[in-house]
Protein backbone atom coordinates (compact mmCIF):
# COMPACT_ATOMS: atom_id res chain seq x y z
CA MET A 1 1.89 12.64 5.48
CA LEU A 2 0.87 9.82 3.13
CA PRO A 3 0.24 6.77 5.37
CA LEU A 4 2.58 3.81 5.11
CA GLY A 5 0.91 1.10 7.16
CA PRO A 6 0.13 2.42 10.65
CA ASN A 7 2.12 5.68 10.38
CA PRO A 8 2.78 8.48 7.86
CA ILE A 9 5.94 8.24 5.74
CA ILE A 10 7.55 11.13 7.66
CA HIS A 11 7.42 9.00 10.84
CA TYR A 12 9.85 6.47 9.35
CA VAL A 13 12.10 9.16 7.88
CA LEU A 14 12.55 10.89 11.24
CA SER A 15 12.96 7.59 13.08
CA HIS A 16 15.80 6.69 10.68
CA LEU A 17 17.51 10.04 11.30
CA SER A 18 17.17 9.71 15.05
CA SER A 19 18.54 6.15 15.13
CA ASN A 20 21.61 7.36 13.19
CA GLY A 21 22.32 10.19 15.62
CA PHE A 22 21.02 13.10 13.55
CA LEU A 23 19.03 14.96 16.18
CA ASP A 24 18.82 18.59 14.98
CA VAL A 25 16.46 18.70 12.01
CA ILE A 26 15.42 21.61 9.79
CA ILE A 27 12.27 20.93 7.76
CA ILE A 28 11.44 23.11 4.76
CA VAL A 29 7.66 23.03 4.47
CA GLY A 30 5.22 24.42 1.94
CA TYR A 31 2.30 22.34 0.79
CA LEU A 32 0.19 20.96 3.71
CA LYS A 33 2.55 22.69 6.15
CA ASP A 34 -0.08 23.04 8.90
CA GLN A 35 -0.94 19.35 8.79
CA LEU A 36 2.73 18.35 8.83
CA MET A 37 3.74 20.74 11.60
CA GLY A 38 0.73 19.74 13.69
CA TYR A 39 1.71 16.07 13.46
CA LEU A 40 5.45 16.51 14.12
CA GLY A 41 5.37 19.30 16.69
CA ASP A 42 8.82 20.04 18.10
CA GLY A 43 10.02 16.53 17.18
CA SER A 44 10.51 15.37 20.76
CA ARG A 45 8.42 12.21 20.38
CA PHE A 46 10.81 11.16 17.59
CA GLY A 47 13.87 12.01 19.66
CA VAL A 48 14.82 15.01 17.49
CA ARG A 49 14.63 18.81 17.67
CA ILE A 50 12.81 20.39 14.71
CA THR A 51 13.18 23.87 13.26
CA TYR A 52 10.72 24.80 10.51
CA VAL A 53 11.40 26.97 7.48
CA VAL A 54 8.31 27.88 5.46
CA GLU A 55 8.37 28.35 1.69
CA PRO A 56 6.64 31.59 0.62
CA GLU A 57 3.47 31.05 -1.39
CA GLY A 58 3.49 31.60 -5.12
CA VAL A 59 7.17 30.71 -5.63
CA ALA A 60 8.19 27.37 -7.16
CA PHE A 61 11.37 26.19 -5.43
CA GLY A 62 13.55 23.41 -6.76
CA THR A 63 14.98 20.69 -4.52
CA ALA A 64 18.27 22.59 -4.23
CA GLY A 65 16.88 26.11 -4.55
CA SER A 66 14.92 25.76 -1.33
CA LEU A 67 18.20 25.49 0.62
CA LYS A 68 18.54 29.25 0.19
CA LEU A 69 15.62 29.65 2.60
CA ALA A 70 17.59 27.89 5.33
CA ALA A 71 21.03 29.30 4.50
CA HIS A 72 21.19 31.30 7.76
CA LEU A 73 20.88 28.03 9.72
CA LEU A 74 23.48 26.05 7.76
CA ASP A 75 26.82 26.98 9.25
CA GLU A 76 28.27 23.46 9.49
CA THR A 77 28.30 20.24 7.47
CA PHE A 78 24.72 19.02 6.96
CA LEU A 79 22.68 16.14 5.57
CA VAL A 80 19.83 16.63 3.08
CA VAL A 81 17.01 14.08 3.06
CA GLN A 82 14.04 13.86 0.70
CA SER A 83 10.88 12.97 2.63
CA ASP A 84 9.60 10.38 0.15
CA THR A 85 12.35 7.77 0.62
CA ILE A 86 12.43 4.88 3.07
CA SER A 87 15.83 3.42 3.84
CA GLU A 88 18.12 1.44 6.09
CA ILE A 89 21.27 3.08 4.68
CA SER A 90 23.71 3.81 7.50
CA LEU A 91 23.87 7.59 7.63
CA THR A 92 26.48 7.34 10.37
CA GLU A 93 28.81 5.43 8.03
CA MET A 94 28.03 7.94 5.30
CA ALA A 95 29.08 10.80 7.59
CA HIS A 96 32.41 9.09 8.30
CA PHE A 97 32.88 8.51 4.55
CA HIS A 98 32.28 12.20 3.83
CA SER A 99 34.73 13.29 6.49
CA ASP A 100 37.42 10.91 5.22
CA ARG A 101 37.08 12.04 1.58
CA GLY A 102 37.10 15.75 2.36
CA GLY A 103 34.90 16.74 -0.57
CA GLU A 104 32.14 19.33 -0.87
CA VAL A 105 29.38 16.79 -1.46
CA SER A 106 28.77 13.11 -0.74
CA ILE A 107 25.82 11.35 -2.37
CA ALA A 108 24.41 8.05 -1.10
CA LEU A 109 24.09 5.66 -4.05
CA THR A 110 22.42 2.31 -4.58
CA GLU A 111 22.25 -0.17 -7.46
CA VAL A 112 18.99 -0.12 -9.45
CA GLU A 113 17.60 -2.18 -12.32
CA ASP A 114 16.50 0.80 -14.43
CA PRO A 115 18.93 3.76 -14.14
CA SER A 116 16.80 5.84 -16.54
CA LEU A 117 14.47 6.68 -13.67
CA TYR A 118 17.11 8.28 -11.47
CA GLY A 119 20.14 10.54 -11.24
CA VAL A 120 23.07 8.23 -12.03
CA ALA A 121 26.70 8.55 -10.89
CA VAL A 122 29.89 7.14 -12.42
CA LEU A 123 32.66 6.63 -9.86
CA GLY A 124 36.42 6.95 -10.29
CA LYS A 125 39.31 6.66 -7.84
CA ARG A 126 38.45 6.82 -4.12
CA GLU A 127 34.74 6.80 -5.10
CA GLU A 128 34.94 10.30 -6.56
CA ILE A 129 32.06 11.03 -8.94
CA VAL A 130 33.47 11.63 -12.42
CA LYS A 131 30.11 11.96 -14.16
CA PHE A 132 26.56 12.61 -12.97
CA LEU A 133 23.57 12.26 -15.31
CA GLU A 134 19.95 12.98 -14.50
CA LYS A 135 17.63 10.27 -15.86
CA PRO A 136 19.73 9.02 -18.80
CA ALA A 137 17.85 7.60 -21.77
CA PRO A 138 17.09 3.85 -21.44
CA GLY A 139 20.07 1.75 -22.43
CA THR A 140 22.54 4.65 -22.37
CA ALA A 141 23.50 4.77 -18.67
CA LEU A 142 27.19 4.22 -17.92
CA SER A 143 26.37 3.04 -14.40
CA ASN A 144 23.52 1.54 -12.42
CA LEU A 145 24.39 3.51 -9.28
CA ALA A 146 21.43 5.78 -8.58
CA SER A 147 21.15 8.70 -6.20
CA THR A 148 19.02 7.89 -3.18
CA GLY A 149 18.20 11.47 -2.20
CA PHE A 150 20.61 11.48 0.77
CA TYR A 151 23.27 14.19 0.36
CA ILE A 152 25.93 15.46 2.75
CA LEU A 153 27.01 19.01 1.90
CA GLU A 154 29.47 21.58 3.17
CA PRO A 155 27.84 24.94 4.03
CA ASP A 156 29.56 26.87 1.23
CA VAL A 157 27.80 24.70 -1.36
CA VAL A 158 24.68 26.80 -0.76
CA ASP A 159 26.53 29.82 -2.16
CA TYR A 160 26.74 28.11 -5.56
CA ILE A 161 22.95 27.92 -5.96
CA GLU A 162 22.10 30.66 -8.45
CA ASP A 163 18.35 30.16 -8.88
CA GLU A 164 15.56 29.15 -6.51
CA LYS A 165 14.31 26.68 -9.13
CA TRP A 166 17.58 24.73 -9.18
CA ASP A 167 17.41 20.98 -8.69
CA PHE A 168 20.21 18.96 -7.07
CA ALA A 169 20.72 16.39 -9.82
CA ARG A 170 19.85 18.51 -12.85
CA ASP A 171 21.55 21.78 -11.89
CA LEU A 172 23.67 21.93 -8.72
CA PHE A 173 25.74 18.75 -8.95
CA PRO A 174 26.77 19.17 -12.62
CA TYR A 175 27.61 22.83 -11.93
CA LEU A 176 29.83 21.95 -8.96
CA MET A 177 31.71 19.43 -11.11
CA ARG A 178 32.20 22.00 -13.87
CA VAL A 179 33.81 24.47 -11.47
CA GLY A 180 36.16 21.83 -10.09
CA GLU A 181 34.58 20.91 -6.75
CA HIS A 182 34.86 17.29 -5.57
CA LEU A 183 31.79 15.07 -5.23
CA PHE A 184 31.96 11.52 -3.84
CA GLY A 185 29.58 8.58 -4.03
CA PHE A 186 28.78 6.50 -0.95
CA ALA A 187 27.55 3.21 -2.42
CA SER A 188 25.30 1.10 -0.19
CA LYS A 189 23.50 -2.24 -0.61
CA SER A 190 21.13 -1.54 2.28
CA PHE A 191 17.39 -1.38 1.76
CA TRP A 192 16.18 1.79 0.03
CA VAL A 193 13.01 2.64 -1.85
CA ASP A 194 11.44 5.75 -3.37
CA VAL A 195 7.82 5.62 -2.24
CA GLY A 196 6.81 8.38 -4.65
CA GLU A 197 5.61 5.90 -7.28
CA LEU A 198 3.23 2.93 -7.10
CA LYS A 199 5.72 0.06 -7.15
CA GLY A 200 7.98 1.79 -4.62
CA TYR A 201 5.07 2.71 -2.37
CA LEU A 202 3.87 -0.89 -2.21
CA LYS A 203 7.44 -2.08 -1.62
CA GLY A 204 7.79 0.45 1.20
CA THR A 205 4.49 -0.73 2.66
CA GLY A 206 5.77 -4.31 2.62
CA TRP A 207 8.95 -3.19 4.42
CA VAL A 208 6.90 -1.49 7.16
CA LEU A 209 4.55 -4.47 7.56
CA GLY A 210 7.46 -6.88 7.78
CA LYS A 211 8.82 -4.96 10.78
CA LEU A 212 5.58 -4.80 12.77
CA ASP A 213 6.63 -7.83 14.83
CA GLN A 214 9.40 -5.69 16.35
CA ASP A 215 7.92 -2.20 15.88
CA ALA A 216 4.13 -2.34 16.14
CA PRO A 217 2.32 0.71 17.57
CA ILE A 218 1.59 0.39 21.29
CA ASP A 219 -2.17 0.33 20.60
CA ALA A 220 -1.92 -2.50 18.03
CA ARG A 221 -2.41 -6.22 18.56
CA ALA A 222 -1.77 -9.37 16.55
CA LEU A 223 -4.92 -10.85 15.04
CA ASP A 224 -3.76 -14.42 15.78
CA ASN A 225 -0.58 -16.44 16.22
CA SER A 226 0.02 -17.11 12.52
CA LYS A 227 3.23 -15.84 10.90
CA PRO A 228 3.88 -13.53 9.21
CA ARG A 229 1.47 -11.77 11.50
CA VAL A 230 -1.57 -9.63 10.81
CA PHE A 231 -1.78 -6.60 13.10
CA VAL A 232 -4.92 -4.65 13.84
CA ARG A 233 -5.85 -1.49 15.75
CA GLY A 234 -9.22 -0.84 17.30
CA ASN A 235 -12.45 -2.64 16.47
CA ILE A 236 -12.35 -4.91 13.39
CA ARG A 237 -15.50 -6.65 12.13
CA MET A 238 -14.96 -9.90 10.28
CA GLY A 239 -17.33 -12.36 8.61
CA GLN A 240 -17.09 -16.12 8.15
CA ARG A 241 -14.58 -18.11 6.07
CA VAL A 242 -12.27 -15.10 5.72
CA GLN A 243 -8.74 -16.01 4.62
CA ILE A 244 -5.99 -13.60 5.66
CA SER A 245 -2.25 -13.88 5.07
CA GLY A 246 0.30 -11.61 6.68
CA PRO A 247 2.06 -9.38 6.93
CA SER A 248 -0.97 -7.09 6.74
CA TRP A 249 -2.44 -4.18 8.71
CA PHE A 250 -6.11 -3.37 9.49
CA ASP A 251 -7.14 -0.15 11.20
CA ASN A 252 -10.13 0.79 13.33
CA ASP A 253 -13.64 -0.05 12.10
CA ALA A 254 -12.48 -1.99 9.05
CA LYS A 255 -15.22 -4.40 8.01
CA ILE A 256 -14.48 -7.64 6.17
CA GLU A 257 -17.47 -9.69 5.02
CA ASP A 258 -17.82 -13.44 4.35
CA ASP A 259 -15.47 -15.35 2.03
CA VAL A 260 -13.05 -12.46 1.56
CA LYS A 261 -9.44 -13.42 0.76
CA ILE A 262 -6.64 -11.06 1.76
CA GLN A 263 -3.10 -11.68 0.54
CA PRO A 264 0.20 -10.41 2.06
CA GLY A 265 1.08 -6.72 1.89
CA THR A 266 -2.49 -5.47 2.27
CA VAL A 267 -3.48 -2.43 4.36
CA LEU A 268 -7.04 -1.48 5.28
CA GLU A 269 -7.16 2.01 6.73
CA GLU A 270 -9.88 3.22 9.05
CA ASP A 271 -13.49 2.37 8.14
CA SER A 272 -12.62 0.39 5.00
CA GLN A 273 -15.46 -1.89 3.89
CA ILE A 274 -14.71 -5.11 1.95
CA ARG A 275 -17.77 -6.97 0.66
CA SER A 276 -18.19 -10.74 0.36
CA GLY A 277 -16.13 -12.83 -2.04
CA THR A 278 -13.57 -10.12 -2.84
CA CYS A 279 -9.84 -10.83 -3.10
CA LEU A 280 -7.24 -8.18 -2.19
CA ASP A 281 -3.58 -8.78 -2.99
CA GLN A 282 -0.89 -6.26 -1.94
CA THR A 283 -3.48 -3.49 -1.89
CA VAL A 284 -3.79 -0.35 0.23
CA THR A 285 -7.22 1.16 0.89
CA PHE A 286 -7.38 4.60 2.48
CA ARG A 287 -10.05 5.69 4.94
CA HIS A 288 -13.78 5.28 4.32
CA THR A 289 -13.43 3.21 1.13
CA GLU A 290 -15.99 0.65 -0.02
CA ILE A 291 -15.11 -2.32 -2.23
CA GLY A 292 -18.00 -4.40 -3.57
CA SER A 293 -18.57 -8.13 -3.79
CA ASN A 294 -16.51 -10.56 -5.87
CA CYS A 295 -13.88 -8.02 -6.86
CA SER A 296 -10.24 -8.75 -7.69
CA VAL A 297 -7.81 -6.00 -6.66
CA LYS A 298 -4.05 -6.45 -7.07
CA SER A 299 -1.08 -4.15 -6.33
CA THR A 300 -3.33 -1.09 -6.11
CA ILE A 301 -3.89 2.02 -4.02
CA ILE A 302 -7.51 3.07 -3.47
CA GLY A 303 -8.03 6.63 -2.28
CA GLU A 304 -10.16 7.93 0.55
CA ARG A 305 -13.95 7.60 0.15
CA ALA A 306 -13.67 5.76 -3.16
CA ILE A 307 -16.52 3.38 -3.94
CA VAL A 308 -15.91 0.25 -6.01
CA GLY A 309 -18.90 -1.68 -7.37
CA ASP A 310 -19.36 -5.44 -7.62
CA ASN A 311 -17.29 -7.76 -9.85
CA VAL A 312 -14.71 -5.07 -10.55
CA THR A 313 -11.16 -5.97 -11.60
CA ILE A 314 -8.25 -3.63 -10.76
CA ASP A 315 -4.61 -4.42 -11.43
CA ARG A 316 -1.57 -2.23 -10.59
CA ALA A 317 -3.47 1.05 -10.53
CA ILE A 318 -4.04 4.16 -8.43
CA ILE A 319 -7.66 5.09 -7.73
CA GLY A 320 -8.00 8.68 -6.53
CA GLN A 321 -10.10 9.90 -3.63
CA GLY A 322 -13.84 9.99 -4.13
CA CYS A 323 -13.82 7.90 -7.31
CA THR A 324 -16.83 5.72 -8.14
CA LEU A 325 -16.34 2.53 -10.17
CA GLY A 326 -19.43 0.88 -11.62
CA ASP A 327 -20.14 -2.84 -11.53
CA ARG A 328 -17.92 -5.06 -13.71
CA ALA A 329 -15.53 -2.21 -14.54
CA LYS A 330 -11.97 -3.17 -15.50
CA ILE A 331 -9.04 -0.96 -14.53
CA LEU A 332 -5.99 -2.11 -16.47
CA PRO A 333 -2.34 -2.04 -15.27
CA GLY A 334 -0.76 1.41 -15.13
CA SER A 335 -4.05 3.32 -14.93
CA ARG A 336 -4.40 6.39 -12.71
CA LEU A 337 -7.87 7.73 -11.93
CA TRP A 338 -8.05 11.39 -10.99
CA PRO A 339 -10.01 12.19 -7.77
CA ASN A 340 -13.81 12.11 -8.06
CA THR A 341 -13.77 10.35 -11.43
CA ARG A 342 -16.78 8.17 -12.22
CA VAL A 343 -16.30 4.99 -14.24
CA GLU A 344 -19.49 3.59 -15.70
CA ALA A 345 -20.56 -0.04 -15.33
CA ASP A 346 -18.81 -2.46 -17.73
CA ALA A 347 -16.28 0.23 -18.75
CA THR A 348 -12.57 -0.45 -19.23
CA VAL A 349 -9.98 2.13 -18.20
CA ASP A 350 -6.49 2.04 -19.68
CA GLY A 351 -4.65 5.33 -19.16
CA ILE A 352 -2.46 7.48 -16.95
CA MET A 353 -5.25 9.69 -15.70
CA ALA A 354 -8.93 10.33 -16.12
CA VAL A 355 -11.01 13.36 -15.19
CA PRO A 356 -14.78 13.64 -14.88
CA ARG A 357 -16.42 13.99 -18.29
CA ASP A 358 -17.96 17.34 -17.43
CA LYS A 359 -14.46 18.71 -16.78
CA SER A 360 -12.90 17.55 -20.04
CA PHE A 361 -10.97 20.12 -22.04
CA TYR A 362 -12.65 21.04 -25.33
CA PHE A 363 -10.31 22.39 -28.00
CA ASP A 364 -11.78 25.29 -29.99
CA THR A 365 -10.19 27.07 -32.93
CA ARG A 366 -11.87 30.31 -31.96
CA LEU A 367 -14.80 31.41 -29.82
CA GLY A 368 -17.69 28.98 -30.33
CA GLN A 369 -15.83 26.90 -32.95
CA TYR A 370 -15.27 23.39 -31.52
CA SER A 371 -12.44 21.49 -33.21
CA GLY A 372 -13.98 18.09 -32.49
CA ILE A 373 -11.15 17.18 -30.09
CA LEU A 374 -11.50 16.88 -26.32
CA ALA A 375 -9.36 15.48 -23.52
CA SER A 376 -10.60 13.53 -20.51
CA SER A 377 -7.24 12.04 -19.53
CA ILE A 378 -3.59 12.99 -19.61
CA GLY A 379 -3.08 10.48 -22.41
CA GLU A 380 -5.88 12.07 -24.45
CA PHE A 381 -4.51 15.54 -23.66
CA LEU A 382 -1.07 14.60 -24.96
CA GLU A 383 -2.51 13.05 -28.11
CA ALA A 384 -4.68 16.12 -28.67
CA LEU A 385 -1.66 18.44 -28.39
CA LYS A 386 0.00 16.45 -31.18
CA ILE A 387 -2.89 16.74 -33.66
CA VAL A 388 -4.99 19.76 -32.76
CA PRO A 389 -4.71 22.67 -35.23
CA LEU A 390 -2.07 25.21 -34.27
CA GLU A 391 -4.66 27.97 -34.33
CA SER A 392 -6.46 26.12 -31.52
CA LEU A 393 -3.35 25.95 -29.34
CA GLU A 394 -2.56 29.61 -29.93
CA TYR A 395 -6.20 30.53 -29.24
CA HIS A 396 -6.29 28.72 -25.86
CA ILE A 397 -2.84 29.91 -24.83
CA GLY A 398 -3.85 33.50 -25.53
CA ARG A 399 -7.08 33.15 -23.54
CA ARG A 400 -5.24 31.42 -20.66
CA ASP A 401 -7.68 28.51 -20.88
CA LEU A 402 -4.95 25.87 -20.61
CA GLU A 403 -3.50 27.52 -17.51
CA LYS A 404 -6.90 27.59 -15.83
CA TRP A 405 -7.75 23.97 -16.74
CA THR A 406 -4.42 22.54 -15.56
CA LYS A 407 -4.69 24.45 -12.29
CA ASP A 408 -8.40 23.99 -11.50
CA VAL A 409 -9.06 20.51 -12.95
CA LEU A 410 -5.70 18.75 -12.93
CA GLY A 411 -4.75 20.53 -9.72
CA SER A 412 -1.25 21.34 -10.93
CA ILE A 413 0.06 24.77 -10.06
CA GLN A 414 3.45 23.71 -11.43
CA LEU A 415 2.12 22.82 -14.88
CA ALA A 416 0.01 25.99 -14.96
CA ASP A 417 3.11 28.04 -14.11
CA ASN A 418 5.06 26.39 -16.93
CA ILE A 419 2.28 27.13 -19.42
CA ARG A 420 2.10 30.72 -18.18
CA THR A 421 5.85 31.08 -18.79
CA LEU A 422 5.36 29.66 -22.28
CA ARG A 423 2.56 32.15 -22.97
CA ARG A 424 4.74 35.05 -21.87
CA SER A 425 7.56 33.86 -24.14
CA GLN A 426 5.11 34.36 -27.05
CA SER A 427 6.08 31.05 -28.68
CA LYS A 428 4.09 30.28 -31.82
CA GLY A 429 3.50 27.44 -34.27
CA GLU A 430 5.24 24.09 -33.94
CA GLU A 431 7.64 25.45 -31.33
CA LEU A 432 4.64 26.15 -29.10
CA ARG A 433 3.28 22.64 -29.70
CA HIS A 434 6.58 20.90 -28.88
CA GLN A 435 7.13 22.91 -25.69
CA LEU A 436 3.60 22.21 -24.48
CA ILE A 437 4.06 18.49 -25.07
CA ASP A 438 7.38 18.49 -23.21
CA PHE A 439 5.82 20.26 -20.21
CA VAL A 440 2.89 17.83 -20.02
CA ILE A 441 5.10 14.74 -20.35
CA GLU A 442 7.38 16.01 -17.57
CA TRP A 443 4.41 16.67 -15.32
CA ALA A 444 2.70 13.33 -16.13
CA GLU A 445 5.83 11.50 -14.98
CA THR A 446 5.70 13.21 -11.59
CA VAL A 447 2.00 12.47 -10.98
CA SER A 448 2.15 8.81 -11.99
CA SER A 449 2.65 8.10 -8.30
CA PRO A 450 0.61 7.47 -5.18
CA GLN A 451 -1.14 10.66 -4.14
CA GLU A 452 -2.36 11.76 -0.77
CA PRO A 453 -6.07 12.58 -0.69
CA SER A 454 -5.75 16.04 -2.20
CA ASN A 455 -6.52 18.08 -5.27
CA GLN A 456 -3.16 19.83 -5.29
CA GLN A 457 0.22 19.04 -6.80
CA LYS A 458 2.87 18.57 -4.12
CA ARG A 459 6.63 18.33 -3.83
CA PRO A 460 8.52 16.23 -1.30
CA THR A 461 9.34 18.02 1.94
CA ARG A 462 13.07 18.57 2.41
CA LEU A 463 14.74 17.69 5.72
CA LEU A 464 18.15 19.12 6.66
CA THR A 465 20.10 17.93 9.67
CA THR A 466 23.47 19.03 10.96
CA MET A 467 26.20 16.55 11.73
């Protein structure tokens, strides 16, 4: 449901399925299921028929493991789609490819610059996959063909899934290859982007904005006759000497004061306020945000109800909902501010995450004995895990403090579950330290991405459609 220009991401995913002739869609929902189901309904306005399968609460399903929930509906060849990808890949051609090859699985592939971020396939004769590696170390990949998250599977593949936590790339595909099943790679040069991280989200936004000339909402209008065009919806208030370059999108009640400069790829969601002299470049502001005077904001997402002071500089960052940035603050590239974080005037932020100071984690060695180490960001938390005395880690694991903090403050049920599993394994000493660090690094990679206004960790919704 994260907005991508005028519509949520799921709008473009379903439109792509419909235009390729995939009309019967099964959606496996969990997090925010009511919001998603309320928006999509029966799917008729997208030209599809939707059946919902709901994940039970309290169970962590992997991308492949969740197929077990829909197994009773999967009695013919089907397509799996991750809901956080935007693409022009021809799924019709992919279906013909799968039928011609006669394998159990076909995976849509695309060339990428950095294979270490994706599941990577090596192809042999007739495009059969001879090796599949999940996120190979930088510089070690034998191919630059990455999985796009589009998979065509035969129904009996579901029977191979042994655990509800199984992932497609990490578990299912390597297992199928080990037991002798045939997997094929459908390589495509068509547009594709994973919008689950900042760069991809902004690229996806640019793709949507570039198509507004042909696919603008019926209640939208062009701001003027310049090209690329700027489209608006509802009442927009604009001051004098404003410079705007398209493609861009402004929603209802956005207010732009005097001498503001807006560069291509910018989105102002409902009730965004941009004060005088500020420059926005390829920036997305969610609803009810306020950006002060004479700010410079580049390649950034600013969450709902965030307030940015005057003379603030932000570059390639994600600002969570409800954050407050003081005057003259500097947010450096790669920074991620956790929701409701306050940044003081003249402060500089350079880190993956930050949490409010009053919610920092204080490492004790025993009750009432502060170690002198605290964590207010994911970066600080990782560094603390490396140096804090082992007795402190064992103390907090035993008291379940780390589980509670990661769940209540970081909002990650997944990380809390992993720490709980580690506690139950009764790991001690350096083994405990190394496993904790591995869990946090893995989680930090997943949350270094644009987040919907929320305090909960989420997984992409899975869409299944029969052929």
